[in-house]
């Protein structure tokens, strides 16, 4: 499995819309994937400026894929999808 990078937006809109609840990923991901998946907070992914509204926040980037309305389940699903693609 190749390395996967997960960036959690910590910008104001994303934080207010729930990115603080995604901090559980810092514990869940290493337990499930070891050191192949790296999670880090970023100041802003600038995704809010690309949409008409901020209602799709919080945003998480899994490699090059944006997860909007991000939840722990959605992010874990996106990671699982990447892992399966890498295995093929």
N, C-alpha and C. Protein backbone atom coordinates (compact mmCIF):
# COMPACT_ATOMS: atom_id res chain seq x y z
N UNK A 1 0.85 -1.18 0.00
CA UNK A 1 0.00 0.00 0.00
C UNK A 1 0.89 1.24 0.00
N UNK A 2 0.60 2.16 -0.92
CA UNK A 2 1.38 3.39 -0.92
C UNK A 2 0.80 4.38 0.09
N UNK A 3 1.59 5.38 0.42
CA UNK A 3 1.17 6.35 1.42
C UNK A 3 -0.01 7.19 0.93
N UNK A 4 -0.90 7.48 1.85
CA UNK A 4 -2.07 8.31 1.59
C UNK A 4 -2.02 9.48 2.55
N UNK A 5 -2.26 10.69 2.02
CA UNK A 5 -2.23 11.89 2.85
C UNK A 5 -3.65 12.40 3.06
N UNK A 6 -4.01 12.63 4.31
CA UNK A 6 -5.32 13.14 4.68
C UNK A 6 -5.13 14.51 5.32
N UNK A 7 -5.74 15.53 4.72
CA UNK A 7 -5.65 16.89 5.24
C UNK A 7 -7.02 17.33 5.74
N UNK A 8 -7.08 17.71 7.00
CA UNK A 8 -8.32 18.18 7.61
C UNK A 8 -8.29 19.70 7.64
N UNK A 9 -9.25 20.35 6.99
CA UNK A 9 -9.30 21.80 6.98
C UNK A 9 -9.66 22.31 8.36
N UNK A 10 -8.87 23.24 8.84
CA UNK A 10 -9.11 23.84 10.15
C UNK A 10 -9.46 25.32 10.03
N UNK A 11 -9.83 25.74 8.81
CA UNK A 11 -10.23 27.12 8.61
C UNK A 11 -11.49 27.43 9.41
N UNK A 12 -11.79 28.69 9.54
CA UNK A 12 -12.90 29.12 10.40
C UNK A 12 -14.21 28.45 10.02
N UNK A 13 -14.57 28.49 8.74
CA UNK A 13 -15.85 27.90 8.33
C UNK A 13 -15.89 26.41 8.61
N UNK A 14 -14.84 25.71 8.23
CA UNK A 14 -14.81 24.27 8.46
C UNK A 14 -14.84 23.94 9.95
N UNK A 15 -14.10 24.72 10.73
CA UNK A 15 -14.09 24.48 12.18
C UNK A 15 -15.48 24.66 12.76
N UNK A 16 -16.15 25.75 12.38
CA UNK A 16 -17.50 26.03 12.89
C UNK A 16 -18.48 24.96 12.42
N UNK A 17 -18.27 24.44 11.21
CA UNK A 17 -19.18 23.45 10.65
C UNK A 17 -18.85 22.02 11.10
N UNK A 18 -17.82 21.85 11.94
CA UNK A 18 -17.61 20.54 12.53
C UNK A 18 -16.27 19.86 12.33
N UNK A 19 -15.29 20.52 11.75
CA UNK A 19 -14.01 19.82 11.55
C UNK A 19 -13.35 19.44 12.87
N UNK A 20 -13.71 20.13 13.94
CA UNK A 20 -13.13 19.77 15.24
C UNK A 20 -13.55 18.37 15.66
N UNK A 21 -14.70 17.91 15.18
CA UNK A 21 -15.16 16.55 15.50
C UNK A 21 -14.37 15.49 14.75
N UNK A 22 -13.63 15.92 13.74
CA UNK A 22 -12.85 14.96 12.94
C UNK A 22 -11.51 14.62 13.59
N UNK A 23 -11.21 15.23 14.71
CA UNK A 23 -9.95 14.95 15.40
C UNK A 23 -9.83 13.49 15.82
N UNK A 24 -10.94 12.79 15.91
CA UNK A 24 -10.92 11.37 16.24
C UNK A 24 -10.14 10.58 15.18
N UNK A 25 -10.05 11.13 13.97
CA UNK A 25 -9.30 10.47 12.90
C UNK A 25 -7.83 10.29 13.26
N UNK A 26 -7.28 11.20 14.07
CA UNK A 26 -5.88 11.09 14.47
C UNK A 26 -5.61 9.81 15.25
N UNK A 27 -6.64 9.26 15.90
CA UNK A 27 -6.50 8.00 16.63
C UNK A 27 -6.94 6.81 15.79
N UNK A 28 -8.02 6.95 15.04
CA UNK A 28 -8.59 5.84 14.29
C UNK A 28 -7.71 5.38 13.13
N UNK A 29 -7.19 6.32 12.38
CA UNK A 29 -6.45 5.97 11.17
C UNK A 29 -5.18 5.19 11.47
N UNK A 30 -4.33 5.64 12.39
CA UNK A 30 -3.12 4.85 12.67
C UNK A 30 -3.44 3.44 13.17
N UNK A 31 -4.50 3.29 13.93
CA UNK A 31 -4.88 1.97 14.43
C UNK A 31 -5.24 1.04 13.28
N UNK A 32 -5.92 1.57 12.27
CA UNK A 32 -6.41 0.73 11.17
C UNK A 32 -5.38 0.57 10.05
N UNK A 33 -4.64 1.64 9.73
CA UNK A 33 -3.77 1.61 8.56
C UNK A 33 -2.28 1.74 8.88
N UNK A 34 -1.94 1.85 10.13
CA UNK A 34 -0.53 1.98 10.48
C UNK A 34 0.04 3.30 10.01
N UNK A 35 1.26 3.25 9.53
CA UNK A 35 1.95 4.47 9.14
C UNK A 35 1.79 4.81 7.67
N UNK A 36 0.94 4.10 6.95
CA UNK A 36 0.76 4.36 5.52
C UNK A 36 -0.22 5.50 5.24
N UNK A 37 -0.99 5.89 6.24
CA UNK A 37 -1.93 6.99 6.08
C UNK A 37 -1.55 8.08 7.06
N UNK A 38 -1.27 9.26 6.51
CA UNK A 38 -0.81 10.39 7.32
C UNK A 38 -1.93 11.43 7.41
N UNK A 39 -2.27 11.81 8.63
CA UNK A 39 -3.32 12.79 8.87
C UNK A 39 -2.69 14.06 9.40
N UNK A 40 -3.09 15.19 8.84
CA UNK A 40 -2.59 16.45 9.36
C UNK A 40 -3.64 17.54 9.18
N UNK A 41 -3.68 18.45 10.13
CA UNK A 41 -4.57 19.60 9.98
C UNK A 41 -3.90 20.63 9.08
N UNK A 42 -4.69 21.35 8.32
CA UNK A 42 -4.18 22.45 7.50
C UNK A 42 -5.00 23.69 7.81
N UNK A 43 -4.39 24.84 7.62
CA UNK A 43 -5.09 26.09 7.93
C UNK A 43 -6.34 26.27 7.09
N UNK A 44 -6.25 25.96 5.81
CA UNK A 44 -7.42 26.11 4.94
C UNK A 44 -7.17 25.36 3.64
N UNK A 45 -8.19 24.71 3.12
CA UNK A 45 -8.11 24.04 1.83
C UNK A 45 -8.65 24.91 0.70
N UNK A 46 -9.20 26.08 1.05
CA UNK A 46 -9.76 27.03 0.08
C UNK A 46 -10.92 26.46 -0.73
N UNK A 47 -11.61 25.49 -0.20
CA UNK A 47 -12.75 24.91 -0.91
C UNK A 47 -14.00 25.76 -0.77
N UNK A 48 -14.14 26.50 0.32
CA UNK A 48 -15.32 27.35 0.51
C UNK A 48 -15.42 28.40 -0.58
N UNK A 49 -14.28 28.90 -1.02
CA UNK A 49 -14.29 29.93 -2.06
C UNK A 49 -14.69 29.37 -3.42
N UNK A 50 -14.68 28.07 -3.57
CA UNK A 50 -15.04 27.44 -4.84
C UNK A 50 -16.52 27.10 -4.92
N UNK A 51 -17.23 27.15 -3.80
CA UNK A 51 -18.65 26.80 -3.80
C UNK A 51 -19.49 28.05 -3.59
N UNK A 52 -20.76 27.95 -3.95
CA UNK A 52 -21.67 29.08 -3.79
C UNK A 52 -22.02 29.33 -2.33
N UNK A 53 -21.99 28.28 -1.53
CA UNK A 53 -22.30 28.43 -0.11
C UNK A 53 -21.28 27.67 0.70
N UNK A 54 -21.28 27.89 1.98
CA UNK A 54 -20.36 27.19 2.87
C UNK A 54 -21.03 25.96 3.47
N UNK A 55 -22.18 25.60 2.96
CA UNK A 55 -22.93 24.50 3.57
C UNK A 55 -22.29 23.14 3.35
N UNK A 56 -21.28 23.06 2.51
CA UNK A 56 -20.64 21.77 2.26
C UNK A 56 -19.44 21.54 3.17
N UNK A 57 -19.13 22.51 4.02
CA UNK A 57 -18.04 22.37 4.98
C UNK A 57 -18.48 21.43 6.10
N UNK A 58 -17.61 20.74 6.76
CA UNK A 58 -16.16 20.81 6.68
C UNK A 58 -15.62 19.99 5.51
N UNK A 59 -14.42 20.37 5.08
CA UNK A 59 -13.75 19.70 3.97
C UNK A 59 -12.53 18.94 4.47
N UNK A 60 -12.31 17.80 3.83
CA UNK A 60 -11.11 16.99 4.07
C UNK A 60 -10.60 16.58 2.70
N UNK A 61 -9.30 16.57 2.55
CA UNK A 61 -8.69 16.14 1.29
C UNK A 61 -7.97 14.83 1.52
N UNK A 62 -8.37 13.80 0.79
CA UNK A 62 -7.73 12.49 0.85
C UNK A 62 -6.96 12.34 -0.45
N UNK A 63 -5.64 12.48 -0.37
CA UNK A 63 -4.78 12.63 -1.54
C UNK A 63 -5.33 13.79 -2.38
N UNK A 64 -5.88 13.53 -3.53
CA UNK A 64 -6.40 14.63 -4.37
C UNK A 64 -7.91 14.70 -4.38
N UNK A 65 -8.57 13.88 -3.60
CA UNK A 65 -10.04 13.84 -3.56
C UNK A 65 -10.57 14.67 -2.39
N UNK A 66 -11.49 15.58 -2.70
CA UNK A 66 -12.11 16.40 -1.67
C UNK A 66 -13.35 15.67 -1.13
N UNK A 67 -13.44 15.61 0.18
CA UNK A 67 -14.62 15.06 0.85
C UNK A 67 -15.33 16.25 1.47
N UNK A 68 -16.54 16.55 0.97
CA UNK A 68 -17.31 17.67 1.53
C UNK A 68 -18.31 17.12 2.54
N UNK A 69 -18.82 18.02 3.38
CA UNK A 69 -19.68 17.58 4.49
C UNK A 69 -19.01 16.42 5.22
N UNK A 70 -17.73 16.55 5.43
CA UNK A 70 -16.92 15.45 5.94
C UNK A 70 -17.37 14.98 7.32
N UNK A 71 -17.46 13.69 7.42
CA UNK A 71 -17.69 13.00 8.69
C UNK A 71 -16.61 11.95 8.82
N UNK A 72 -16.48 11.39 9.98
CA UNK A 72 -15.49 10.33 10.17
C UNK A 72 -15.78 9.18 9.22
N UNK A 73 -17.05 8.83 9.08
CA UNK A 73 -17.42 7.71 8.20
C UNK A 73 -17.06 8.00 6.75
N UNK A 74 -17.36 9.22 6.28
CA UNK A 74 -17.06 9.57 4.89
C UNK A 74 -15.56 9.56 4.62
N UNK A 75 -14.79 10.06 5.55
CA UNK A 75 -13.34 10.10 5.37
C UNK A 75 -12.77 8.67 5.39
N UNK A 76 -13.23 7.87 6.32
CA UNK A 76 -12.75 6.47 6.37
C UNK A 76 -13.13 5.72 5.09
N UNK A 77 -14.32 5.99 4.55
CA UNK A 77 -14.73 5.36 3.29
C UNK A 77 -13.82 5.80 2.14
N UNK A 78 -13.48 7.09 2.10
CA UNK A 78 -12.60 7.60 1.04
C UNK A 78 -11.20 6.97 1.14
N UNK A 79 -10.72 6.80 2.37
CA UNK A 79 -9.42 6.15 2.56
C UNK A 79 -9.49 4.70 2.12
N UNK A 80 -10.54 4.02 2.52
CA UNK A 80 -10.72 2.61 2.14
C UNK A 80 -10.76 2.45 0.62
N UNK A 81 -11.43 3.37 -0.05
CA UNK A 81 -11.50 3.35 -1.51
C UNK A 81 -10.09 3.49 -2.11
N UNK A 82 -9.29 4.41 -1.56
CA UNK A 82 -7.91 4.60 -2.03
C UNK A 82 -7.07 3.35 -1.80
N UNK A 83 -7.22 2.75 -0.64
CA UNK A 83 -6.46 1.54 -0.31
C UNK A 83 -6.80 0.44 -1.31
N UNK A 84 -8.08 0.26 -1.61
CA UNK A 84 -8.49 -0.77 -2.56
C UNK A 84 -7.96 -0.49 -3.97
N UNK A 85 -7.94 0.79 -4.36
CA UNK A 85 -7.40 1.15 -5.67
C UNK A 85 -5.91 0.82 -5.74
N UNK A 86 -5.20 1.08 -4.65
CA UNK A 86 -3.76 0.81 -4.62
C UNK A 86 -3.45 -0.68 -4.69
N UNK A 87 -4.37 -1.49 -4.16
CA UNK A 87 -4.14 -2.93 -4.13
C UNK A 87 -4.37 -3.58 -5.49
N UNK A 88 -5.03 -2.90 -6.41
CA UNK A 88 -5.33 -3.48 -7.72
C UNK A 88 -4.19 -3.33 -8.68
